[in-house]
Amino acid sequence: MEYITAFRKASNLSESNEQELPVEKEIEKDEAEVEENAGLIKALDTYRKLIEVNKELTEKEQSNLEKKLTEIEKREIIEIDPVHEPTEIPVEKGKITIGPPTLTRFERARIMGARALQLSLGAPTFISIPKTARSSLDIALEELDQRVIPIVIRRVLPNGDYQNIPIDYFKK
């Protein structure tokens, strides 16, 4: 591209000359293809070197290598991953597909902490208060053990898919 602008300056051609534009676009397109294929060519050369390390290949091995290289060369290159829309994985009674079938210690702690806070701020209890309870945390623990807290756990996969699991679906 630099040589075209230098040529134009030397021959005093204007940049808006319509005959020159298709040629310039074609050259830019060829340069882009060469740059795009440079990575593929380098990868194929590296693959060839890895296979040919410290030994001469037989004719059969060489033909297999060439077949593999042409197969690799014909592969579709995905430059941008398609956008994944997170979807909810339906939960059936007793069938938890994401994570363990029991509450994790982190989920358990989060539920107990949230429920204890609600109780300490005056929320009504879902069970009769046990005589051994000394704090809202004890009441929250008992409610969790009886599975009467109306809380749903959302477990999320790395791709964004998730599963909403009611607390009574978990094993004790």
C-alpha atoms as a PDB file:
ATOM      1  CA  MET A   1       0.000   0.000   0.000  1.00  0.00           C
ATOM      2  CA  GLU A   2       2.898   2.316   0.744  1.00  0.00           C
ATOM      3  CA  TYR A   3       4.335   1.708  -2.701  1.00  0.00           C
ATOM      4  CA  ILE A   4       1.016   2.717  -4.332  1.00  0.00           C
ATOM      5  CA  THR A   5       0.943   6.058  -2.550  1.00  0.00           C
ATOM      6  CA  ALA A   6       4.604   6.594  -3.447  1.00  0.00           C
ATOM      7  CA  PHE A   7       3.792   5.758  -7.076  1.00  0.00           C
ATOM      8  CA  ARG A   8       0.893   8.222  -7.067  1.00  0.00           C
ATOM      9  CA  LYS A   9       3.076  10.989  -5.707  1.00  0.00           C
ATOM     10  CA  ALA A  10       5.745  10.286  -8.278  1.00  0.00           C
ATOM     11  CA  SER A  11       3.328  10.235 -11.212  1.00  0.00           C
ATOM     12  CA  ASN A  12       1.109  13.048  -9.822  1.00  0.00           C
ATOM     13  CA  LEU A  13      -2.050  10.898  -9.845  1.00  0.00           C
ATOM     14  CA  SER A  14      -4.929  11.977  -7.686  1.00  0.00           C
ATOM     15  CA  GLU A  15      -6.138   9.657  -4.948  1.00  0.00           C
ATOM     16  CA  SER A  16      -9.701   9.827  -6.252  1.00  0.00           C
ATOM     17  CA  ASN A  17      -8.821   8.244  -9.577  1.00  0.00           C
ATOM     18  CA  GLU A  18     -11.442   5.512  -9.983  1.00  0.00           C
ATOM     19  CA  GLN A  19      -9.243   3.206 -12.060  1.00  0.00           C
ATOM     20  CA  GLU A  20      -6.679   2.874  -9.263  1.00  0.00           C
ATOM     21  CA  LEU A  21      -9.134   2.148  -6.416  1.00  0.00           C
ATOM     22  CA  PRO A  22     -10.093  -1.435  -7.382  1.00  0.00           C
ATOM     23  CA  VAL A  23      -6.414  -2.345  -7.708  1.00  0.00           C
ATOM     24  CA  GLU A  24      -5.659  -0.862  -4.282  1.00  0.00           C
ATOM     25  CA  LYS A  25      -8.581  -2.720  -2.679  1.00  0.00           C
ATOM     26  CA  GLU A  26      -7.469  -5.949  -4.323  1.00  0.00           C
ATOM     27  CA  ILE A  27      -3.926  -5.519  -2.991  1.00  0.00           C
ATOM     28  CA  GLU A  28      -5.258  -4.764   0.515  1.00  0.00           C
ATOM     29  CA  LYS A  29      -7.431  -7.884   0.309  1.00  0.00           C
ATOM     30  CA  ASP A  30      -4.443 -10.017  -0.752  1.00  0.00           C
ATOM     31  CA  GLU A  31      -2.328  -8.594   2.104  1.00  0.00           C
ATOM     32  CA  ALA A  32      -5.104  -9.380   4.603  1.00  0.00           C
ATOM     33  CA  GLU A  33      -5.345 -12.967   3.310  1.00  0.00           C
ATOM     34  CA  VAL A  34      -1.573 -13.390   3.613  1.00  0.00           C
ATOM     35  CA  GLU A  35      -1.633 -12.072   7.190  1.00  0.00           C
ATOM     36  CA  GLU A  36      -4.606 -14.328   8.005  1.00  0.00           C
ATOM     37  CA  ASN A  37      -2.941 -17.396   6.506  1.00  0.00           C
ATOM     38  CA  ALA A  38       0.419 -16.656   8.153  1.00  0.00           C
ATOM     39  CA  GLY A  39      -0.817 -17.984  11.494  1.00  0.00           C
ATOM     40  CA  LEU A  40      -2.193 -21.133   9.865  1.00  0.00           C
ATOM     41  CA  ILE A  41       1.015 -21.744   7.936  1.00  0.00           C
ATOM     42  CA  LYS A  42       3.082 -21.268  11.074  1.00  0.00           C
ATOM     43  CA  ALA A  43       0.837 -23.682  13.000  1.00  0.00           C
ATOM     44  CA  LEU A  44       1.099 -26.307  10.246  1.00  0.00           C
ATOM     45  CA  ASP A  45       4.897 -25.968  10.145  1.00  0.00           C
ATOM     46  CA  THR A  46       5.079 -26.349  13.920  1.00  0.00           C
ATOM     47  CA  TYR A  47       2.850 -29.439  13.780  1.00  0.00           C
ATOM     48  CA  ARG A  48       5.051 -30.921  11.030  1.00  0.00           C
ATOM     49  CA  LYS A  49       8.205 -30.282  13.108  1.00  0.00           C
ATOM     50  CA  LEU A  50       6.643 -31.935  16.167  1.00  0.00           C
ATOM     51  CA  ILE A  51       5.843 -35.074  14.189  1.00  0.00           C
ATOM     52  CA  GLU A  52       9.211 -35.210  12.430  1.00  0.00           C
ATOM     53  CA  VAL A  53      11.285 -34.787  15.606  1.00  0.00           C
ATOM     54  CA  ASN A  54      14.548 -36.787  15.522  1.00  0.00           C
ATOM     55  CA  LYS A  55      13.449 -39.339  12.937  1.00  0.00           C
ATOM     56  CA  GLU A  56      12.903 -39.859   9.241  1.00  0.00           C
ATOM     57  CA  LEU A  57       9.325 -40.652   8.327  1.00  0.00           C
ATOM     58  CA  THR A  58       8.408 -43.594   6.141  1.00  0.00           C
ATOM     59  CA  GLU A  59       6.299 -43.020   3.037  1.00  0.00           C
ATOM     60  CA  LYS A  60       3.174 -44.185   4.833  1.00  0.00           C
ATOM     61  CA  GLU A  61       3.847 -41.910   7.825  1.00  0.00           C
ATOM     62  CA  GLN A  62       4.588 -39.022   5.465  1.00  0.00           C
ATOM     63  CA  SER A  63       1.304 -39.544   3.569  1.00  0.00           C
ATOM     64  CA  ASN A  64      -0.613 -39.756   6.863  1.00  0.00           C
ATOM     65  CA  LEU A  65       1.046 -36.521   7.971  1.00  0.00           C
ATOM     66  CA  GLU A  66       0.084 -34.792   4.719  1.00  0.00           C
ATOM     67  CA  LYS A  67      -3.524 -36.009   5.072  1.00  0.00           C
ATOM     68  CA  LYS A  68      -3.654 -34.688   8.630  1.00  0.00           C
ATOM     69  CA  LEU A  69      -2.202 -31.325   7.551  1.00  0.00           C
ATOM     70  CA  THR A  70      -4.743 -30.926   4.741  1.00  0.00           C
ATOM     71  CA  GLU A  71      -7.507 -31.873   7.184  1.00  0.00           C
ATOM     72  CA  ILE A  72      -6.290 -29.216   9.609  1.00  0.00           C
ATOM     73  CA  GLU A  73      -6.022 -26.679   6.797  1.00  0.00           C
ATOM     74  CA  LYS A  74      -9.645 -27.262   5.732  1.00  0.00           C
ATOM     75  CA  ARG A  75     -11.046 -26.720   9.224  1.00  0.00           C
ATOM     76  CA  GLU A  76     -13.310 -23.767   9.815  1.00  0.00           C
ATOM     77  CA  ILE A  77     -11.676 -21.102  11.938  1.00  0.00           C
ATOM     78  CA  ILE A  78     -13.994 -19.619  14.550  1.00  0.00           C
ATOM     79  CA  GLU A  79     -12.781 -16.151  15.389  1.00  0.00           C
ATOM     80  CA  ILE A  80     -15.646 -15.038  17.605  1.00  0.00           C
ATOM     81  CA  ASP A  81     -17.620 -17.366  19.817  1.00  0.00           C
ATOM     82  CA  PRO A  82     -21.357 -17.006  19.381  1.00  0.00           C
ATOM     83  CA  VAL A  83     -23.041 -15.270  22.283  1.00  0.00           C
ATOM     84  CA  HIS A  84     -24.531 -17.780  24.688  1.00  0.00           C
ATOM     85  CA  GLU A  85     -27.814 -16.834  26.272  1.00  0.00           C
ATOM     86  CA  PRO A  86     -28.061 -18.293  29.783  1.00  0.00           C
ATOM     87  CA  THR A  87     -30.966 -20.685  30.126  1.00  0.00           C
ATOM     88  CA  GLU A  88     -32.632 -22.272  33.100  1.00  0.00           C
ATOM     89  CA  ILE A  89     -32.150 -25.992  33.497  1.00  0.00           C
ATOM     90  CA  PRO A  90     -35.457 -27.406  34.693  1.00  0.00           C
ATOM     91  CA  VAL A  91     -35.381 -29.217  38.026  1.00  0.00           C
ATOM     92  CA  GLU A  92     -37.421 -32.340  38.610  1.00  0.00           C
ATOM     93  CA  LYS A  93     -38.336 -33.551  42.075  1.00  0.00           C
ATOM     94  CA  GLY A  94     -35.221 -35.151  43.544  1.00  0.00           C
ATOM     95  CA  LYS A  95     -33.128 -34.587  40.376  1.00  0.00           C
ATOM     96  CA  ILE A  96     -30.433 -31.950  40.915  1.00  0.00           C
ATOM     97  CA  THR A  97     -28.166 -31.739  37.873  1.00  0.00           C
ATOM     98  CA  ILE A  98     -25.812 -28.956  38.976  1.00  0.00           C
ATOM     99  CA  GLY A  99     -23.635 -29.618  42.000  1.00  0.00           C
ATOM    100  CA  PRO A 100     -24.037 -32.087  44.845  1.00  0.00           C
ATOM    101  CA  PRO A 101     -27.453 -33.378  45.936  1.00  0.00           C
ATOM    102  CA  THR A 102     -26.949 -31.808  49.370  1.00  0.00           C
ATOM    103  CA  LEU A 103     -26.485 -28.209  50.434  1.00  0.00           C
ATOM    104  CA  THR A 104     -22.869 -27.122  50.366  1.00  0.00           C
ATOM    105  CA  ARG A 105     -21.440 -25.608  53.516  1.00  0.00           C
ATOM    106  CA  PHE A 106     -21.385 -22.223  51.802  1.00  0.00           C
ATOM    107  CA  GLU A 107     -25.050 -22.404  50.807  1.00  0.00           C
ATOM    108  CA  ARG A 108     -25.918 -23.568  54.294  1.00  0.00           C
ATOM    109  CA  ALA A 109     -24.028 -20.680  55.902  1.00  0.00           C
ATOM    110  CA  ARG A 110     -25.597 -18.135  53.554  1.00  0.00           C
ATOM    111  CA  ILE A 111     -29.118 -19.398  54.225  1.00  0.00           C
ATOM    112  CA  MET A 112     -28.627 -19.485  57.984  1.00  0.00           C
ATOM    113  CA  GLY A 113     -27.099 -16.005  58.019  1.00  0.00           C
ATOM    114  CA  ALA A 114     -29.856 -14.478  55.898  1.00  0.00           C
ATOM    115  CA  ARG A 115     -32.607 -16.176  57.891  1.00  0.00           C
ATOM    116  CA  ALA A 116     -31.021 -15.233  61.237  1.00  0.00           C
ATOM    117  CA  LEU A 117     -30.904 -11.615  60.106  1.00  0.00           C
ATOM    118  CA  GLN A 118     -34.578 -11.730  59.097  1.00  0.00           C
ATOM    119  CA  LEU A 119     -35.507 -13.213  62.483  1.00  0.00           C
ATOM    120  CA  SER A 120     -33.465 -10.634  64.375  1.00  0.00           C
ATOM    121  CA  LEU A 121     -35.285  -7.874  62.484  1.00  0.00           C
ATOM    122  CA  GLY A 122     -38.670  -9.223  63.576  1.00  0.00           C
ATOM    123  CA  ALA A 123     -39.697 -11.697  60.863  1.00  0.00           C
ATOM    124  CA  PRO A 124     -42.148 -14.386  62.018  1.00  0.00           C
ATOM    125  CA  THR A 125     -40.786 -17.902  62.551  1.00  0.00           C
ATOM    126  CA  PHE A 126     -41.973 -20.900  60.529  1.00  0.00           C
ATOM    127  CA  ILE A 127     -41.625 -23.271  63.503  1.00  0.00           C
ATOM    128  CA  SER A 128     -42.367 -23.075  67.190  1.00  0.00           C
ATOM    129  CA  ILE A 129     -39.325 -21.671  68.939  1.00  0.00           C
ATOM    130  CA  PRO A 130     -37.345 -24.480  70.614  1.00  0.00           C
ATOM    131  CA  LYS A 131     -36.616 -24.130  74.348  1.00  0.00           C
ATOM    132  CA  THR A 132     -32.869 -24.559  73.678  1.00  0.00           C
ATOM    133  CA  ALA A 133     -32.729 -21.609  71.260  1.00  0.00           C
ATOM    134  CA  ARG A 134     -30.678 -18.716  72.602  1.00  0.00           C
ATOM    135  CA  SER A 135     -30.331 -16.618  69.455  1.00  0.00           C
ATOM    136  CA  SER A 136     -31.876 -16.093  66.056  1.00  0.00           C
ATOM    137  CA  LEU A 137     -29.112 -18.262  64.608  1.00  0.00           C
ATOM    138  CA  ASP A 138     -30.328 -21.272  66.628  1.00  0.00           C
ATOM    139  CA  ILE A 139     -33.868 -20.739  65.327  1.00  0.00           C
ATOM    140  CA  ALA A 140     -32.557 -20.398  61.738  1.00  0.00           C
ATOM    141  CA  LEU A 141     -30.598 -23.639  62.146  1.00  0.00           C
ATOM    142  CA  GLU A 142     -33.686 -25.496  63.332  1.00  0.00           C
ATOM    143  CA  GLU A 143     -35.783 -24.074  60.469  1.00  0.00           C
ATOM    144  CA  LEU A 144     -33.130 -25.164  57.999  1.00  0.00           C
ATOM    145  CA  ASP A 145     -32.973 -28.670  59.473  1.00  0.00           C
ATOM    146  CA  GLN A 146     -36.752 -28.997  59.117  1.00  0.00           C
ATOM    147  CA  ARG A 147     -36.598 -27.560  55.550  1.00  0.00           C
ATOM    148  CA  VAL A 148     -39.406 -25.060  56.150  1.00  0.00           C
ATOM    149  CA  ILE A 149     -37.589 -21.932  54.924  1.00  0.00           C
ATOM    150  CA  PRO A 150     -39.075 -20.823  51.568  1.00  0.00           C
ATOM    151  CA  ILE A 151     -35.722 -20.205  49.893  1.00  0.00           C
ATOM    152  CA  VAL A 152     -34.591 -21.275  46.431  1.00  0.00           C
ATOM    153  CA  ILE A 153     -30.907 -21.914  45.693  1.00  0.00           C
ATOM    154  CA  ARG A 154     -29.607 -20.837  42.280  1.00  0.00           C
ATOM    155  CA  ARG A 155     -26.610 -22.833  41.094  1.00  0.00           C
ATOM    156  CA  VAL A 156     -24.861 -21.376  38.050  1.00  0.00           C
ATOM    157  CA  LEU A 157     -22.591 -23.074  35.509  1.00  0.00           C
ATOM    158  CA  PRO A 158     -19.572 -21.231  34.020  1.00  0.00           C
ATOM    159  CA  ASN A 159     -21.433 -20.669  30.732  1.00  0.00           C
ATOM    160  CA  GLY A 160     -24.273 -18.883  32.573  1.00  0.00           C
ATOM    161  CA  ASP A 161     -26.819 -21.698  32.570  1.00  0.00           C
ATOM    162  CA  TYR A 162     -28.456 -22.066  35.955  1.00  0.00           C
ATOM    163  CA  GLN A 163     -30.786 -24.225  37.995  1.00  0.00           C
ATOM    164  CA  ASN A 164     -33.164 -22.895  40.653  1.00  0.00           C
ATOM    165  CA  ILE A 165     -33.532 -25.558  43.346  1.00  0.00           C
ATOM    166  CA  PRO A 166     -36.101 -25.293  46.173  1.00  0.00           C
ATOM    167  CA  ILE A 167     -34.564 -26.058  49.556  1.00  0.00           C
ATOM    168  CA  ASP A 168     -36.793 -29.075  50.205  1.00  0.00           C
ATOM    169  CA  TYR A 169     -35.337 -30.888  47.135  1.00  0.00           C
ATOM    170  CA  PHE A 170     -31.970 -31.278  48.870  1.00  0.00           C
ATOM    171  CA  LYS A 171     -31.107 -34.397  50.815  1.00  0.00           C
ATOM    172  CA  LYS A 172     -30.587 -33.939  54.542  1.00  0.00           C
END
